[in-house]
Amino acid sequence: MQPDFKEIATTVANDPASYKLCAVCGAVVDRDAATCPDCTAYRFDTDPEHVLNRALDLGSKPRSSVTHLDTVE
């Protein structure tokens, strides 16, 4: 099942202070994460305005990457 990025972006936009941005790959991650689940980096941007802008940007674009949630059928 593919994640609904617009729904995820809405969740992040409703509470951007609970998330942060990976400074390496730009992923939006939970504020409590010690490392980025996508690239394992440990540097983050915690500015809620930057998180909000990135979430809205990601939510408006079509999905273009393959994640661990994808399956081969």
PDB file of N, CA and C in Angstrom:
ATOM      1  N   MET A   1       0.839  -1.189   0.000  1.00  0.00           N
ATOM      2  CA  MET A   1       0.000   0.000   0.000  1.00  0.00           C
ATOM      3  C   MET A   1       0.881   1.249   0.000  1.00  0.00           C
ATOM      4  N   GLN A   2       0.594   2.161  -0.894  1.00  0.00           N
ATOM      5  CA  GLN A   2       1.371   3.388  -1.025  1.00  0.00           C
ATOM      6  C   GLN A   2       0.895   4.436  -0.013  1.00  0.00           C
ATOM      7  N   PRO A   3       1.834   5.138   0.633  1.00  0.00           N
ATOM      8  CA  PRO A   3       1.413   6.191   1.559  1.00  0.00           C
ATOM      9  C   PRO A   3       0.788   7.367   0.801  1.00  0.00           C
ATOM     10  N   ASP A   4      -0.157   8.016   1.408  1.00  0.00           N
ATOM     11  CA  ASP A   4      -0.805   9.187   0.816  1.00  0.00           C
ATOM     12  C   ASP A   4      -0.029  10.418   1.265  1.00  0.00           C
ATOM     13  N   PHE A   5       0.813  10.939   0.377  1.00  0.00           N
ATOM     14  CA  PHE A   5       1.695  12.039   0.747  1.00  0.00           C
ATOM     15  C   PHE A   5       0.947  13.326   1.051  1.00  0.00           C
ATOM     16  N   LYS A   6      -0.198  13.552   0.434  1.00  0.00           N
ATOM     17  CA  LYS A   6      -0.980  14.743   0.761  1.00  0.00           C
ATOM     18  C   LYS A   6      -1.512  14.652   2.186  1.00  0.00           C
ATOM     19  N   GLU A   7      -1.933  13.457   2.591  1.00  0.00           N
ATOM     20  CA  GLU A   7      -2.425  13.261   3.950  1.00  0.00           C
ATOM     21  C   GLU A   7      -1.286  13.431   4.963  1.00  0.00           C
ATOM     22  N   ILE A   8      -0.119  12.885   4.646  1.00  0.00           N
ATOM     23  CA  ILE A   8       1.032  13.035   5.523  1.00  0.00           C
ATOM     24  C   ILE A   8       1.435  14.504   5.620  1.00  0.00           C
ATOM     25  N   ALA A   9       1.445  15.214   4.500  1.00  0.00           N
ATOM     26  CA  ALA A   9       1.800  16.640   4.501  1.00  0.00           C
ATOM     27  C   ALA A   9       0.817  17.435   5.353  1.00  0.00           C
ATOM     28  N   THR A  10      -0.457  17.088   5.304  1.00  0.00           N
ATOM     29  CA  THR A  10      -1.468  17.765   6.118  1.00  0.00           C
ATOM     30  C   THR A  10      -1.203  17.528   7.599  1.00  0.00           C
ATOM     31  N   THR A  11      -0.855  16.294   7.956  1.00  0.00           N
ATOM     32  CA  THR A  11      -0.546  15.966   9.347  1.00  0.00           C
ATOM     33  C   THR A  11       0.643  16.788   9.830  1.00  0.00           C
ATOM     34  N   VAL A  12       1.685  16.868   9.027  1.00  0.00           N
ATOM     35  CA  VAL A  12       2.875  17.646   9.391  1.00  0.00           C
ATOM     36  C   VAL A  12       2.534  19.137   9.456  1.00  0.00           C
ATOM     37  N   ALA A  13       1.765  19.625   8.504  1.00  0.00           N
ATOM     38  CA  ALA A  13       1.406  21.049   8.469  1.00  0.00           C
ATOM     39  C   ALA A  13       0.567  21.458   9.675  1.00  0.00           C
ATOM     40  N   ASN A  14      -0.208  20.532  10.216  1.00  0.00           N
ATOM     41  CA  ASN A  14      -1.022  20.841  11.390  1.00  0.00           C
ATOM     42  C   ASN A  14      -0.200  20.944  12.668  1.00  0.00           C
ATOM     43  N   ASP A  15       1.006  20.381  12.691  1.00  0.00           N
ATOM     44  CA  ASP A  15       1.860  20.428  13.878  1.00  0.00           C
ATOM     45  C   ASP A  15       3.335  20.364  13.476  1.00  0.00           C
ATOM     46  N   PRO A  16       3.849  21.374  12.774  1.00  0.00           N
ATOM     47  CA  PRO A  16       5.229  21.309  12.278  1.00  0.00           C
ATOM     48  C   PRO A  16       6.277  21.265  13.388  1.00  0.00           C
ATOM     49  N   ALA A  17       5.953  21.720  14.578  1.00  0.00           N
ATOM     50  CA  ALA A  17       6.917  21.697  15.680  1.00  0.00           C
ATOM     51  C   ALA A  17       7.219  20.278  16.156  1.00  0.00           C
ATOM     52  N   SER A  18       6.409  19.296  15.757  1.00  0.00           N
ATOM     53  CA  SER A  18       6.641  17.902  16.139  1.00  0.00           C
ATOM     54  C   SER A  18       7.549  17.173  15.148  1.00  0.00           C
ATOM     55  N   TYR A  19       8.059  17.892  14.154  1.00  0.00           N
ATOM     56  CA  TYR A  19       8.879  17.290  13.113  1.00  0.00           C
ATOM     57  C   TYR A  19      10.134  18.126  12.892  1.00  0.00           C
ATOM     58  N   LYS A  20      11.070  17.568  12.149  1.00  0.00           N
ATOM     59  CA  LYS A  20      12.280  18.283  11.770  1.00  0.00           C
ATOM     60  C   LYS A  20      12.706  17.800  10.392  1.00  0.00           C
ATOM     61  N   LEU A  21      13.613  18.554   9.759  1.00  0.00           N
ATOM     62  CA  LEU A  21      14.090  18.219   8.421  1.00  0.00           C
ATOM     63  C   LEU A  21      15.489  17.647   8.487  1.00  0.00           C
ATOM     64  N   CYS A  22      15.713  16.592   7.745  1.00  0.00           N
ATOM     65  CA  CYS A  22      17.061  16.062   7.617  1.00  0.00           C
ATOM     66  C   CYS A  22      17.872  17.076   6.811  1.00  0.00           C
ATOM     67  N   ALA A  23      19.021  17.478   7.336  1.00  0.00           N
ATOM     68  CA  ALA A  23      19.869  18.457   6.658  1.00  0.00           C
ATOM     69  C   ALA A  23      20.603  17.857   5.459  1.00  0.00           C
ATOM     70  N   VAL A  24      20.596  16.548   5.339  1.00  0.00           N
ATOM     71  CA  VAL A  24      21.298  15.894   4.239  1.00  0.00           C
ATOM     72  C   VAL A  24      20.352  15.599   3.074  1.00  0.00           C
ATOM     73  N   CYS A  25      19.231  14.909   3.342  1.00  0.00           N
ATOM     74  CA  CYS A  25      18.351  14.494   2.242  1.00  0.00           C
ATOM     75  C   CYS A  25      17.035  15.266   2.171  1.00  0.00           C
ATOM     76  N   GLY A  26      16.725  16.082   3.181  1.00  0.00           N
ATOM     77  CA  GLY A  26      15.506  16.883   3.154  1.00  0.00           C
ATOM     78  C   GLY A  26      14.258  16.160   3.601  1.00  0.00           C
ATOM     79  N   ALA A  27      14.398  14.965   4.140  1.00  0.00           N
ATOM     80  CA  ALA A  27      13.237  14.207   4.611  1.00  0.00           C
ATOM     81  C   ALA A  27      12.631  14.883   5.842  1.00  0.00           C
ATOM     82  N   VAL A  28      11.326  14.799   5.963  1.00  0.00           N
ATOM     83  CA  VAL A  28      10.628  15.267   7.161  1.00  0.00           C
ATOM     84  C   VAL A  28      10.539  14.078   8.099  1.00  0.00           C
ATOM     85  N   VAL A  29      11.092  14.232   9.308  1.00  0.00           N
ATOM     86  CA  VAL A  29      11.127  13.127  10.264  1.00  0.00           C
ATOM     87  C   VAL A  29      10.553  13.568  11.603  1.00  0.00           C
ATOM     88  N   ASP A  30      10.179  12.602  12.411  1.00  0.00           N
ATOM     89  CA  ASP A  30       9.661  12.857  13.752  1.00  0.00           C
ATOM     90  C   ASP A  30      10.709  13.597  14.579  1.00  0.00           C
ATOM     91  N   ARG A  31      10.258  14.532  15.363  1.00  0.00           N
ATOM     92  CA  ARG A  31      11.157  15.360  16.179  1.00  0.00           C
ATOM     93  C   ARG A  31      12.043  14.515  17.101  1.00  0.00           C
ATOM     94  N   ASP A  32      11.569  13.355  17.528  1.00  0.00           N
ATOM     95  CA  ASP A  32      12.312  12.516  18.462  1.00  0.00           C
ATOM     96  C   ASP A  32      13.334  11.600  17.791  1.00  0.00           C
ATOM     97  N   ALA A  33      13.368  11.566  16.468  1.00  0.00           N
ATOM     98  CA  ALA A  33      14.298  10.683  15.761  1.00  0.00           C
ATOM     99  C   ALA A  33      15.739  11.125  15.984  1.00  0.00           C
ATOM    100  N   ALA A  34      16.602  10.173  16.280  1.00  0.00           N
ATOM    101  CA  ALA A  34      18.019  10.478  16.479  1.00  0.00           C
ATOM    102  C   ALA A  34      18.764  10.540  15.151  1.00  0.00           C
ATOM    103  N   THR A  35      18.324   9.718  14.187  1.00  0.00           N
ATOM    104  CA  THR A  35      18.918   9.715  12.854  1.00  0.00           C
ATOM    105  C   THR A  35      17.799   9.674  11.821  1.00  0.00           C
ATOM    106  N   CYS A  36      18.123  10.090  10.626  1.00  0.00           N
ATOM    107  CA  CYS A  36      17.152  10.065   9.526  1.00  0.00           C
ATOM    108  C   CYS A  36      16.918   8.621   9.093  1.00  0.00           C
ATOM    109  N   PRO A  37      15.672   8.182   9.019  1.00  0.00           N
ATOM    110  CA  PRO A  37      15.403   6.814   8.587  1.00  0.00           C
ATOM    111  C   PRO A  37      15.699   6.577   7.104  1.00  0.00           C
ATOM    112  N   ASP A  38      15.819   7.653   6.324  1.00  0.00           N
ATOM    113  CA  ASP A  38      16.090   7.500   4.895  1.00  0.00           C
ATOM    114  C   ASP A  38      17.578   7.422   4.581  1.00  0.00           C
ATOM    115  N   CYS A  39      18.395   8.271   5.243  1.00  0.00           N
ATOM    116  CA  CYS A  39      19.815   8.328   4.878  1.00  0.00           C
ATOM    117  C   CYS A  39      20.768   8.148   6.062  1.00  0.00           C
ATOM    118  N   THR A  40      20.233   7.966   7.246  1.00  0.00           N
ATOM    119  CA  THR A  40      20.965   7.775   8.509  1.00  0.00           C
ATOM    120  C   THR A  40      21.786   8.981   8.962  1.00  0.00           C
ATOM    121  N   ALA A  41      21.551  10.137   8.387  1.00  0.00           N
ATOM    122  CA  ALA A  41      22.234  11.354   8.840  1.00  0.00           C
ATOM    123  C   ALA A  41      21.726  11.746  10.220  1.00  0.00           C
ATOM    124  N   TYR A  42      22.484  12.592  10.904  1.00  0.00           N
ATOM    125  CA  TYR A  42      22.090  13.014  12.246  1.00  0.00           C
ATOM    126  C   TYR A  42      22.094  14.529  12.410  1.00  0.00           C
ATOM    127  N   ARG A  43      22.093  15.264  11.305  1.00  0.00           N
ATOM    128  CA  ARG A  43      22.003  16.728  11.340  1.00  0.00           C
ATOM    129  C   ARG A  43      20.609  17.123  10.857  1.00  0.00           C
ATOM    130  N   PHE A  44      19.958  18.016  11.624  1.00  0.00           N
ATOM    131  CA  PHE A  44      18.576  18.375  11.326  1.00  0.00           C
ATOM    132  C   PHE A  44      18.339  19.871  11.406  1.00  0.00           C
ATOM    133  N   ASP A  45      17.334  20.329  10.680  1.00  0.00           N
ATOM    134  CA  ASP A  45      16.812  21.691  10.748  1.00  0.00           C
ATOM    135  C   ASP A  45      15.501  21.589  11.512  1.00  0.00           C
ATOM    136  N   THR A  46      15.414  22.252  12.655  1.00  0.00           N
ATOM    137  CA  THR A  46      14.230  22.146  13.505  1.00  0.00           C
ATOM    138  C   THR A  46      13.293  23.342  13.403  1.00  0.00           C
ATOM    139  N   ASP A  47      13.537  24.262  12.489  1.00  0.00           N
ATOM    140  CA  ASP A  47      12.686  25.440  12.332  1.00  0.00           C
ATOM    141  C   ASP A  47      11.307  25.014  11.814  1.00  0.00           C
ATOM    142  N   PRO A  48      10.233  25.237  12.603  1.00  0.00           N
ATOM    143  CA  PRO A  48       8.891  24.807  12.178  1.00  0.00           C
ATOM    144  C   PRO A  48       8.448  25.394  10.835  1.00  0.00           C
ATOM    145  N   GLU A  49       8.887  26.613  10.532  1.00  0.00           N
ATOM    146  CA  GLU A  49       8.516  27.217   9.243  1.00  0.00           C
ATOM    147  C   GLU A  49       9.158  26.460   8.085  1.00  0.00           C
ATOM    148  N   HIS A  50      10.402  26.043   8.241  1.00  0.00           N
ATOM    149  CA  HIS A  50      11.078  25.256   7.202  1.00  0.00           C
ATOM    150  C   HIS A  50      10.414  23.895   7.049  1.00  0.00           C
ATOM    151  N   VAL A  51      10.039  23.284   8.177  1.00  0.00           N
ATOM    152  CA  VAL A  51       9.347  21.993   8.144  1.00  0.00           C
ATOM    153  C   VAL A  51       8.019  22.136   7.405  1.00  0.00           C
ATOM    154  N   LEU A  52       7.258  23.165   7.728  1.00  0.00           N
ATOM    155  CA  LEU A  52       5.965  23.400   7.079  1.00  0.00           C
ATOM    156  C   LEU A  52       6.141  23.577   5.578  1.00  0.00           C
ATOM    157  N   ASN A  53       7.076  24.414   5.173  1.00  0.00           N
ATOM    158  CA  ASN A  53       7.290  24.661   3.745  1.00  0.00           C
ATOM    159  C   ASN A  53       7.696  23.391   3.012  1.00  0.00           C
ATOM    160  N   ARG A  54       8.561  22.585   3.618  1.00  0.00           N
ATOM    161  CA  ARG A  54       9.006  21.339   2.987  1.00  0.00           C
ATOM    162  C   ARG A  54       7.856  20.326   2.887  1.00  0.00           C
ATOM    163  N   ALA A  55       7.048  20.233   3.940  1.00  0.00           N
ATOM    164  CA  ALA A  55       5.902  19.315   3.916  1.00  0.00           C
ATOM    165  C   ALA A  55       4.916  19.703   2.819  1.00  0.00           C
ATOM    166  N   LEU A  56       4.626  20.981   2.699  1.00  0.00           N
ATOM    167  CA  LEU A  56       3.697  21.438   1.658  1.00  0.00           C
ATOM    168  C   LEU A  56       4.278  21.180   0.274  1.00  0.00           C
ATOM    169  N   ASP A  57       5.583  21.388   0.134  1.00  0.00           N
ATOM    170  CA  ASP A  57       6.251  21.140  -1.139  1.00  0.00           C
ATOM    171  C   ASP A  57       6.179  19.648  -1.504  1.00  0.00           C
ATOM    172  N   LEU A  58       6.503  18.787  -0.555  1.00  0.00           N
ATOM    173  CA  LEU A  58       6.470  17.350  -0.820  1.00  0.00           C
ATOM    174  C   LEU A  58       5.047  16.859  -1.082  1.00  0.00           C
ATOM    175  N   GLY A  59       4.072  17.414  -0.379  1.00  0.00           N
ATOM    176  CA  GLY A  59       2.684  17.002  -0.550  1.00  0.00           C
ATOM    177  C   GLY A  59       2.091  17.399  -1.885  1.00  0.00           C
ATOM    178  N   SER A  60       2.688  18.393  -2.538  1.00  0.00           N
ATOM    179  CA  SER A  60       2.142  18.867  -3.805  1.00  0.00           C
ATOM    180  C   SER A  60       2.783  18.193  -5.023  1.00  0.00           C
ATOM    181  N   LYS A  61       3.819  17.392  -4.794  1.00  0.00           N
ATOM    182  CA  LYS A  61       4.520  16.748  -5.903  1.00  0.00           C
ATOM    183  C   LYS A  61       4.114  15.287  -6.024  1.00  0.00           C
ATOM    184  N   PRO A  62       4.163  14.753  -7.240  1.00  0.00           N
ATOM    185  CA  PRO A  62       3.905  13.317  -7.393  1.00  0.00           C
ATOM    186  C   PRO A  62       5.056  12.520  -6.797  1.00  0.00           C
ATOM    187  N   ARG A  63       4.767  11.349  -6.314  1.00  0.00           N
ATOM    188  CA  ARG A  63       5.778  10.487  -5.726  1.00  0.00           C
ATOM    189  C   ARG A  63       6.789  10.079  -6.782  1.00  0.00           C
ATOM    190  N   SER A  64       8.076  10.171  -6.446  1.00  0.00           N
ATOM    191  CA  SER A  64       9.100   9.847  -7.437  1.00  0.00           C
ATOM    192  C   SER A  64      10.206   8.945  -6.896  1.00  0.00           C
ATOM    193  N   SER A  65      10.056   8.446  -5.686  1.00  0.00           N
ATOM    194  CA  SER A  65      11.110   7.598  -5.129  1.00  0.00           C
ATOM    195  C   SER A  65      10.550   6.233  -4.741  1.00  0.00           C
ATOM    196  N   VAL A  66      11.450   5.307  -4.564  1.00  0.00           N
ATOM    197  CA  VAL A  66      11.102   3.962  -4.117  1.00  0.00           C
ATOM    198  C   VAL A  66      11.519   3.868  -2.653  1.00  0.00           C
ATOM    199  N   THR A  67      10.621   3.366  -1.813  1.00  0.00           N
ATOM    200  CA  THR A  67      10.929   3.254  -0.389  1.00  0.00           C
ATOM    201  C   THR A  67      10.857   1.803   0.052  1.00  0.00           C
ATOM    202  N   HIS A  68      11.186   1.569   1.298  1.00  0.00           N
ATOM    203  CA  HIS A  68      11.110   0.225   1.854  1.00  0.00           C
ATOM    204  C   HIS A  68       9.665  -0.287   1.936  1.00  0.00           C
ATOM    205  N   LEU A  69       8.692   0.609   1.783  1.00  0.00           N
ATOM    206  CA  LEU A  69       7.280   0.215   1.822  1.00  0.00           C
ATOM    207  C   LEU A  69       6.793  -0.362   0.491  1.00  0.00           C
ATOM    208  N   ASP A  70       7.566  -0.156  -0.566  1.00  0.00           N
ATOM    209  CA  ASP A  70       7.195  -0.670  -1.879  1.00  0.00           C
ATOM    210  C   ASP A  70       7.428  -2.177  -1.941  1.00  0.00           C
ATOM    211  N   THR A  71       6.545  -2.845  -2.630  1.00  0.00           N
ATOM    212  CA  THR A  71       6.684  -4.291  -2.791  1.00  0.00           C
ATOM    213  C   THR A  71       6.645  -4.648  -4.261  1.00  0.00           C
ATOM    214  N   VAL A  72       7.260  -5.737  -4.598  1.00  0.00           N
ATOM    215  CA  VAL A  72       7.247  -6.243  -5.963  1.00  0.00           C
ATOM    216  C   VAL A  72       6.107  -7.227  -6.068  1.00  0.00           C
ATOM    217  N   GLU A  73       5.265  -7.039  -7.039  1.00  0.00           N
ATOM    218  CA  GLU A  73       4.116  -7.935  -7.212  1.00  0.00           C
ATOM    219  C   GLU A  73       4.276  -8.747  -8.465  1.00  0.00           C
TER     220      GLU A  73
END
